[in-house]
């Protein structure tokens, strides 16, 4: 896959990083439940996905926008009674990132 700076990166490299980001997104659930610093992790995930979306040229603009918007929205779900919605959105994000992975492997 040719990225923004005309550097050829193997699809597997991108897919492996997306897999790691998938695991980090999933990790937000126990971190929040246990009172950990999930917001710093969330910020890091958003930053990296933003960077990835600028580097790779695949048909994922709509997916990236939706994924980043949902992740950004998690910052608003801080009350204890928001956990069900927090969890639901995490799983929606995991579904979206799996779509991104499919686009990388066919792109």
C-alpha atoms as a PDB file:
ATOM      1  CA  UNK A   1       0.000   0.000   0.000  1.00  0.00           C
ATOM      2  CA  UNK A   2       1.385   3.360  -0.999  1.00  0.00           C
ATOM      3  CA  UNK A   3       0.930   5.945   1.756  1.00  0.00           C
ATOM      4  CA  UNK A   4       0.909   9.725   1.649  1.00  0.00           C
ATOM      5  CA  UNK A   5       4.678  10.194   1.412  1.00  0.00           C
ATOM      6  CA  UNK A   6       5.100   7.737  -1.480  1.00  0.00           C
ATOM      7  CA  UNK A   7       6.336   5.094   0.912  1.00  0.00           C
ATOM      8  CA  UNK A   8       5.210   1.543   0.232  1.00  0.00           C
ATOM      9  CA  UNK A   9       3.946  -0.077   3.420  1.00  0.00           C
ATOM     10  CA  UNK A  10       2.852  -3.709   3.513  1.00  0.00           C
ATOM     11  CA  UNK A  11      -0.873  -4.203   4.064  1.00  0.00           C
ATOM     12  CA  UNK A  12      -0.005  -6.557   6.923  1.00  0.00           C
ATOM     13  CA  UNK A  13       1.753  -3.722   8.747  1.00  0.00           C
ATOM     14  CA  UNK A  14      -1.357  -1.557   8.579  1.00  0.00           C
ATOM     15  CA  UNK A  15      -3.630  -4.474   9.482  1.00  0.00           C
ATOM     16  CA  UNK A  16      -1.491  -5.359  12.504  1.00  0.00           C
ATOM     17  CA  UNK A  17      -1.649  -1.797  13.784  1.00  0.00           C
ATOM     18  CA  UNK A  18      -5.418  -1.691  13.263  1.00  0.00           C
ATOM     19  CA  UNK A  19      -5.655  -4.958  15.213  1.00  0.00           C
ATOM     20  CA  UNK A  20      -3.692  -3.398  18.067  1.00  0.00           C
ATOM     21  CA  UNK A  21      -5.982  -0.352  17.984  1.00  0.00           C
ATOM     22  CA  UNK A  22      -8.984  -2.702  18.076  1.00  0.00           C
ATOM     23  CA  UNK A  23      -7.597  -4.208  21.277  1.00  0.00           C
ATOM     24  CA  UNK A  24      -7.036  -0.740  22.745  1.00  0.00           C
ATOM     25  CA  UNK A  25     -10.602   0.305  21.935  1.00  0.00           C
ATOM     26  CA  UNK A  26     -11.886  -2.828  23.633  1.00  0.00           C
ATOM     27  CA  UNK A  27      -9.617  -2.102  26.624  1.00  0.00           C
ATOM     28  CA  UNK A  28     -11.556   1.129  27.236  1.00  0.00           C
ATOM     29  CA  UNK A  29     -14.415  -0.916  28.731  1.00  0.00           C
ATOM     30  CA  UNK A  30     -12.561  -2.469  31.681  1.00  0.00           C
ATOM     31  CA  UNK A  31     -10.532   0.691  32.215  1.00  0.00           C
ATOM     32  CA  UNK A  32     -13.678   2.761  32.624  1.00  0.00           C
ATOM     33  CA  UNK A  33     -15.381   0.110  34.729  1.00  0.00           C
ATOM     34  CA  UNK A  34     -12.381  -0.086  37.070  1.00  0.00           C
ATOM     35  CA  UNK A  35     -11.981   3.686  37.338  1.00  0.00           C
ATOM     36  CA  UNK A  36      -8.762   3.808  35.296  1.00  0.00           C
ATOM     37  CA  UNK A  37      -7.594   6.667  33.101  1.00  0.00           C
ATOM     38  CA  UNK A  38      -9.597   5.640  30.047  1.00  0.00           C
ATOM     39  CA  UNK A  39      -9.757   9.219  28.736  1.00  0.00           C
ATOM     40  CA  UNK A  40      -6.006   9.408  28.091  1.00  0.00           C
ATOM     41  CA  UNK A  41      -6.139   6.084  26.248  1.00  0.00           C
ATOM     42  CA  UNK A  42      -9.134   7.304  24.249  1.00  0.00           C
ATOM     43  CA  UNK A  43      -7.289  10.475  23.257  1.00  0.00           C
ATOM     44  CA  UNK A  44      -4.306   8.384  22.116  1.00  0.00           C
ATOM     45  CA  UNK A  45      -6.552   6.106  20.018  1.00  0.00           C
ATOM     46  CA  UNK A  46      -8.243   9.096  18.372  1.00  0.00           C
ATOM     47  CA  UNK A  47      -4.899  10.728  17.583  1.00  0.00           C
ATOM     48  CA  UNK A  48      -3.513   7.596  15.968  1.00  0.00           C
ATOM     49  CA  UNK A  49      -6.653   6.898  13.932  1.00  0.00           C
ATOM     50  CA  UNK A  50      -6.618  10.510  12.741  1.00  0.00           C
ATOM     51  CA  UNK A  51      -3.043  10.053  11.625  1.00  0.00           C
ATOM     52  CA  UNK A  52      -3.775   6.761   9.901  1.00  0.00           C
ATOM     53  CA  UNK A  53      -6.703   8.286   8.038  1.00  0.00           C
ATOM     54  CA  UNK A  54      -4.380  10.970   6.678  1.00  0.00           C
ATOM     55  CA  UNK A  55      -1.705   8.486   5.629  1.00  0.00           C
ATOM     56  CA  UNK A  56      -3.615   5.788   3.823  1.00  0.00           C
ATOM     57  CA  UNK A  57      -5.742   6.217   0.740  1.00  0.00           C
ATOM     58  CA  UNK A  58      -8.571   3.715   0.957  1.00  0.00           C
ATOM     59  CA  UNK A  59     -12.300   4.038   0.559  1.00  0.00           C
ATOM     60  CA  UNK A  60     -12.894   4.622   4.254  1.00  0.00           C
ATOM     61  CA  UNK A  61     -13.593   8.349   4.631  1.00  0.00           C
ATOM     62  CA  UNK A  62     -17.155   7.774   5.825  1.00  0.00           C
ATOM     63  CA  UNK A  63     -16.080   4.951   8.107  1.00  0.00           C
ATOM     64  CA  UNK A  64     -13.231   6.970   9.622  1.00  0.00           C
ATOM     65  CA  UNK A  65     -15.504   9.961  10.157  1.00  0.00           C
ATOM     66  CA  UNK A  66     -18.119   7.842  11.913  1.00  0.00           C
ATOM     67  CA  UNK A  67     -15.482   5.994  13.952  1.00  0.00           C
ATOM     68  CA  UNK A  68     -13.760   9.186  15.089  1.00  0.00           C
ATOM     69  CA  UNK A  69     -17.081  10.885  15.850  1.00  0.00           C
ATOM     70  CA  UNK A  70     -18.231   7.971  18.010  1.00  0.00           C
ATOM     71  CA  UNK A  71     -14.913   7.796  19.854  1.00  0.00           C
ATOM     72  CA  UNK A  72     -14.954  11.551  20.429  1.00  0.00           C
ATOM     73  CA  UNK A  73     -18.506  11.256  21.760  1.00  0.00           C
ATOM     74  CA  UNK A  74     -17.346   8.836  24.455  1.00  0.00           C
ATOM     75  CA  UNK A  75     -15.797  11.788  26.290  1.00  0.00           C
ATOM     76  CA  UNK A  76     -19.381  12.922  27.039  1.00  0.00           C
ATOM     77  CA  UNK A  77     -20.428   9.626  28.636  1.00  0.00           C
ATOM     78  CA  UNK A  78     -18.857  10.014  32.057  1.00  0.00           C
ATOM     79  CA  UNK A  79     -21.777   9.353  34.404  1.00  0.00           C
ATOM     80  CA  UNK A  80     -22.242   5.920  35.944  1.00  0.00           C
ATOM     81  CA  UNK A  81     -25.634   5.520  34.271  1.00  0.00           C
ATOM     82  CA  UNK A  82     -23.991   6.199  30.870  1.00  0.00           C
ATOM     83  CA  UNK A  83     -22.054   2.925  30.930  1.00  0.00           C
ATOM     84  CA  UNK A  84     -24.590   0.978  28.827  1.00  0.00           C
ATOM     85  CA  UNK A  85     -24.329   3.602  26.056  1.00  0.00           C
ATOM     86  CA  UNK A  86     -20.535   3.726  26.459  1.00  0.00           C
ATOM     87  CA  UNK A  87     -20.395  -0.048  25.991  1.00  0.00           C
ATOM     88  CA  UNK A  88     -22.764   0.020  23.002  1.00  0.00           C
ATOM     89  CA  UNK A  89     -20.672   2.671  21.256  1.00  0.00           C
ATOM     90  CA  UNK A  90     -17.455   0.735  21.924  1.00  0.00           C
ATOM     91  CA  UNK A  91     -18.927  -2.257  20.096  1.00  0.00           C
ATOM     92  CA  UNK A  92     -20.100  -0.021  17.249  1.00  0.00           C
ATOM     93  CA  UNK A  93     -16.528   1.298  16.979  1.00  0.00           C
ATOM     94  CA  UNK A  94     -15.135  -2.233  16.912  1.00  0.00           C
ATOM     95  CA  UNK A  95     -17.494  -3.016  14.039  1.00  0.00           C
ATOM     96  CA  UNK A  96     -16.384   0.099  12.151  1.00  0.00           C
ATOM     97  CA  UNK A  97     -12.689  -0.625  12.601  1.00  0.00           C
ATOM     98  CA  UNK A  98     -13.250  -4.142  11.269  1.00  0.00           C
ATOM     99  CA  UNK A  99     -14.723  -2.523   8.134  1.00  0.00           C
ATOM    100  CA  UNK A 100     -11.589  -0.415   7.817  1.00  0.00           C
ATOM    101  CA  UNK A 101      -9.486  -3.594   8.050  1.00  0.00           C
ATOM    102  CA  UNK A 102     -11.522  -5.169   5.248  1.00  0.00           C
ATOM    103  CA  UNK A 103     -10.930  -2.093   3.071  1.00  0.00           C
ATOM    104  CA  UNK A 104      -7.187  -2.322   3.685  1.00  0.00           C
ATOM    105  CA  UNK A 105      -7.073  -5.996   2.771  1.00  0.00           C
ATOM    106  CA  UNK A 106      -9.042  -5.467  -0.477  1.00  0.00           C
ATOM    107  CA  UNK A 107      -7.657  -2.028  -1.299  1.00  0.00           C
END
